[in-house]
């Protein structure tokens, strides 16, 4: 969800449901936090902060600063949520036991909102741009040759001639029959 869309969702939801905008922002942050936590195999602590004016957001992993635990050879008890004081002091020489270290991590959505293409399955708007991006971003296959119909489609996409689609259907019909 792009930053402007976040602001729009907050406005619409707040107005339609008569809920304070801050409550909607907090709910969105919580939802993004829960989704981020689910991406990890081991438990972690996460905070998502949405800028109330721009809709930009950042995702942070939270680390509790702890002293070495002598019962486990000077390590941490919970490696997914704790960081040793000495390690925390690499980035912040003033770190103390009990502090929380924030580490910015990738958004749960895993993309920069500026790189998202807007498409509509209903109207088809943006589909050609999406296909062009796929052609530019996905490398051509290596090794095995493609079946003739797949090769025809691939070359049609690469050359920008999607009008070859009827030929693809005809080729697929011939090879199946």
Protein backbone atom coordinates (compact mmCIF):
# COMPACT_ATOMS: atom_id res chain seq x y z
CA UNK A 1 0.00 0.00 0.00
CA UNK A 2 1.51 3.31 -1.07
CA UNK A 3 1.78 6.21 1.35
CA UNK A 4 -1.03 8.23 -0.24
CA UNK A 5 -3.27 5.16 -0.14
CA UNK A 6 -2.59 4.79 3.57
CA UNK A 7 -3.78 8.36 4.17
CA UNK A 8 -6.84 7.75 1.98
CA UNK A 9 -7.76 4.56 3.84
CA UNK A 10 -7.41 6.37 7.17
CA UNK A 11 -9.63 9.24 5.97
CA UNK A 12 -12.31 7.02 4.48
CA UNK A 13 -12.42 4.57 7.37
CA UNK A 14 -12.40 7.37 9.93
CA UNK A 15 -15.24 9.23 8.20
CA UNK A 16 -17.41 6.22 7.37
CA UNK A 17 -17.08 4.52 10.76
CA UNK A 18 -16.85 7.72 12.86
CA UNK A 19 -13.58 6.57 14.42
CA UNK A 20 -10.79 8.94 15.42
CA UNK A 21 -8.00 8.97 12.80
CA UNK A 22 -5.37 8.22 15.43
CA UNK A 23 -7.18 4.99 16.34
CA UNK A 24 -7.17 3.96 12.66
CA UNK A 25 -3.44 4.77 12.33
CA UNK A 26 -2.69 2.71 15.43
CA UNK A 27 -4.75 -0.21 14.12
CA UNK A 28 -2.88 -0.11 10.81
CA UNK A 29 0.47 -0.02 12.60
CA UNK A 30 -0.56 -3.00 14.74
CA UNK A 31 -1.70 -4.97 11.69
CA UNK A 32 1.59 -4.30 9.88
CA UNK A 33 3.51 -5.29 13.02
CA UNK A 34 1.63 -8.61 13.32
CA UNK A 35 2.16 -9.38 9.64
CA UNK A 36 5.89 -8.64 9.98
CA UNK A 37 6.23 -10.89 13.04
CA UNK A 38 4.61 -13.77 11.13
CA UNK A 39 7.33 -13.57 8.47
CA UNK A 40 9.94 -14.75 10.96
CA UNK A 41 10.37 -18.32 12.19
CA UNK A 42 11.38 -17.23 15.70
CA UNK A 43 9.59 -14.61 17.81
CA UNK A 44 10.75 -11.02 17.33
CA UNK A 45 9.57 -7.62 18.52
CA UNK A 46 8.50 -5.11 15.88
CA UNK A 47 7.32 -1.52 15.72
CA UNK A 48 5.80 0.13 12.67
CA UNK A 49 5.61 3.91 12.60
CA UNK A 50 3.35 5.66 10.08
CA UNK A 51 3.98 9.35 9.45
CA UNK A 52 0.60 10.98 10.06
CA UNK A 53 1.20 13.71 7.45
CA UNK A 54 2.83 11.86 4.56
CA UNK A 55 1.69 8.26 5.02
CA UNK A 56 5.30 7.06 4.80
CA UNK A 57 6.08 4.27 7.21
CA UNK A 58 9.08 2.47 8.59
CA UNK A 59 9.38 -0.93 10.19
CA UNK A 60 11.77 -1.48 13.09
CA UNK A 61 12.95 -4.60 14.84
CA UNK A 62 13.30 -4.00 18.57
CA UNK A 63 16.17 -5.46 20.58
CA UNK A 64 16.24 -5.40 24.39
CA UNK A 65 19.74 -4.57 25.67
CA UNK A 66 20.79 -7.15 28.28
CA UNK A 67 23.85 -8.06 30.30
CA UNK A 68 25.63 -11.32 29.51
CA UNK A 69 23.88 -14.28 31.13
CA UNK A 70 26.46 -16.39 32.99
CA UNK A 71 24.08 -19.36 33.11
CA UNK A 72 24.27 -19.68 29.32
CA UNK A 73 27.96 -18.93 28.75
CA UNK A 74 27.55 -15.15 28.63
CA UNK A 75 24.98 -15.25 25.83
CA UNK A 76 21.41 -13.94 25.65
CA UNK A 77 18.42 -15.97 26.76
CA UNK A 78 16.19 -14.91 23.85
CA UNK A 79 18.34 -14.41 20.72
CA UNK A 80 15.42 -13.16 18.63
CA UNK A 81 14.68 -10.23 20.92
CA UNK A 82 17.78 -9.53 22.98
CA UNK A 83 21.17 -8.00 22.25
CA UNK A 84 24.22 -8.00 24.51
CA UNK A 85 25.26 -4.67 26.00
CA UNK A 86 28.72 -4.86 24.38
CA UNK A 87 27.18 -5.44 20.95
CA UNK A 88 24.69 -2.57 21.41
CA UNK A 89 27.56 -0.25 22.30
CA UNK A 90 29.11 -0.71 18.85
CA UNK A 91 26.37 1.54 17.45
CA UNK A 92 25.63 3.53 20.59
CA UNK A 93 28.46 3.90 23.13
CA UNK A 94 25.93 5.23 25.68
CA UNK A 95 23.69 2.13 25.55
CA UNK A 96 22.66 0.73 28.92
CA UNK A 97 21.05 -2.51 30.09
CA UNK A 98 17.28 -2.05 29.75
CA UNK A 99 17.50 0.17 26.66
CA UNK A 100 15.75 -0.81 23.45
CA UNK A 101 17.68 -0.73 20.18
CA UNK A 102 15.74 -0.04 16.98
CA UNK A 103 16.94 -1.66 13.75
CA UNK A 104 15.14 -0.62 10.58
CA UNK A 105 14.07 -3.67 8.59
CA UNK A 106 12.27 -4.29 5.32
CA UNK A 107 8.60 -3.48 5.26
CA UNK A 108 6.24 -6.42 5.56
CA UNK A 109 5.08 -5.62 2.07
CA UNK A 110 8.66 -5.99 0.90
CA UNK A 111 8.72 -3.17 -1.57
CA UNK A 112 9.21 0.52 -1.86
CA UNK A 113 5.88 2.22 -2.54
CA UNK A 114 7.57 4.18 -5.34
CA UNK A 115 8.19 0.97 -7.33
CA UNK A 116 4.63 -0.36 -7.22
CA UNK A 117 2.65 -0.47 -10.43
CA UNK A 118 -1.03 0.37 -10.23
CA UNK A 119 -3.23 -2.03 -12.19
CA UNK A 120 -6.92 -2.80 -12.41
CA UNK A 121 -8.11 -6.32 -13.08
CA UNK A 122 -11.57 -4.91 -13.74
CA UNK A 123 -10.65 -2.36 -16.42
CA UNK A 124 -7.27 -3.71 -17.53
CA UNK A 125 -5.64 -0.37 -16.78
CA UNK A 126 -1.90 -0.75 -16.19
CA UNK A 127 -1.71 -4.38 -17.38
CA UNK A 128 0.51 -3.58 -20.38
CA UNK A 129 2.87 -1.61 -18.11
CA UNK A 130 2.99 -4.62 -15.77
CA UNK A 131 3.83 -6.98 -18.64
CA UNK A 132 6.55 -4.60 -19.83
CA UNK A 133 8.07 -4.51 -16.34
CA UNK A 134 7.99 -8.31 -16.14
CA UNK A 135 9.82 -8.52 -19.46
CA UNK A 136 12.43 -5.99 -18.29
CA UNK A 137 12.92 -7.42 -14.78
CA UNK A 138 12.70 -11.19 -15.37
CA UNK A 139 15.72 -12.58 -17.19
CA UNK A 140 15.19 -14.84 -20.20
CA UNK A 141 15.19 -18.56 -19.47
CA UNK A 142 18.51 -20.38 -19.62
CA UNK A 143 19.22 -23.96 -20.55
CA UNK A 144 16.19 -25.90 -21.80
CA UNK A 145 14.33 -24.66 -24.83
CA UNK A 146 10.74 -23.60 -24.43
CA UNK A 147 7.79 -25.31 -26.09
CA UNK A 148 6.90 -23.48 -29.33
CA UNK A 149 3.83 -21.77 -27.86
CA UNK A 150 5.72 -20.49 -24.81
CA UNK A 151 8.57 -19.31 -27.04
CA UNK A 152 6.08 -17.47 -29.26
CA UNK A 153 4.54 -15.72 -26.25
CA UNK A 154 7.95 -14.84 -24.82
CA UNK A 155 9.13 -13.29 -28.09
CA UNK A 156 5.83 -11.46 -28.53
CA UNK A 157 6.21 -9.92 -25.09
CA UNK A 158 9.86 -9.03 -25.65
CA UNK A 159 9.17 -7.36 -28.95
CA UNK A 160 6.12 -5.55 -27.65
CA UNK A 161 3.87 -7.27 -30.19
CA UNK A 162 1.08 -8.69 -28.08
CA UNK A 163 -0.96 -8.99 -31.28
CA UNK A 164 0.70 -12.39 -31.69
CA UNK A 165 -1.69 -13.79 -29.07
CA UNK A 166 -4.06 -15.32 -31.68
CA UNK A 167 -1.03 -17.11 -33.17
CA UNK A 168 -0.22 -18.46 -29.71
CA UNK A 169 -3.72 -19.84 -29.32
CA UNK A 170 -3.51 -21.41 -32.78
CA UNK A 171 -0.08 -22.93 -32.01
CA UNK A 172 -1.33 -24.34 -28.71
CA UNK A 173 -4.39 -25.81 -30.44
CA UNK A 174 -2.24 -27.47 -33.12
CA UNK A 175 0.22 -28.92 -30.62
CA UNK A 176 -2.61 -30.24 -28.42
CA UNK A 177 -4.51 -31.75 -31.37
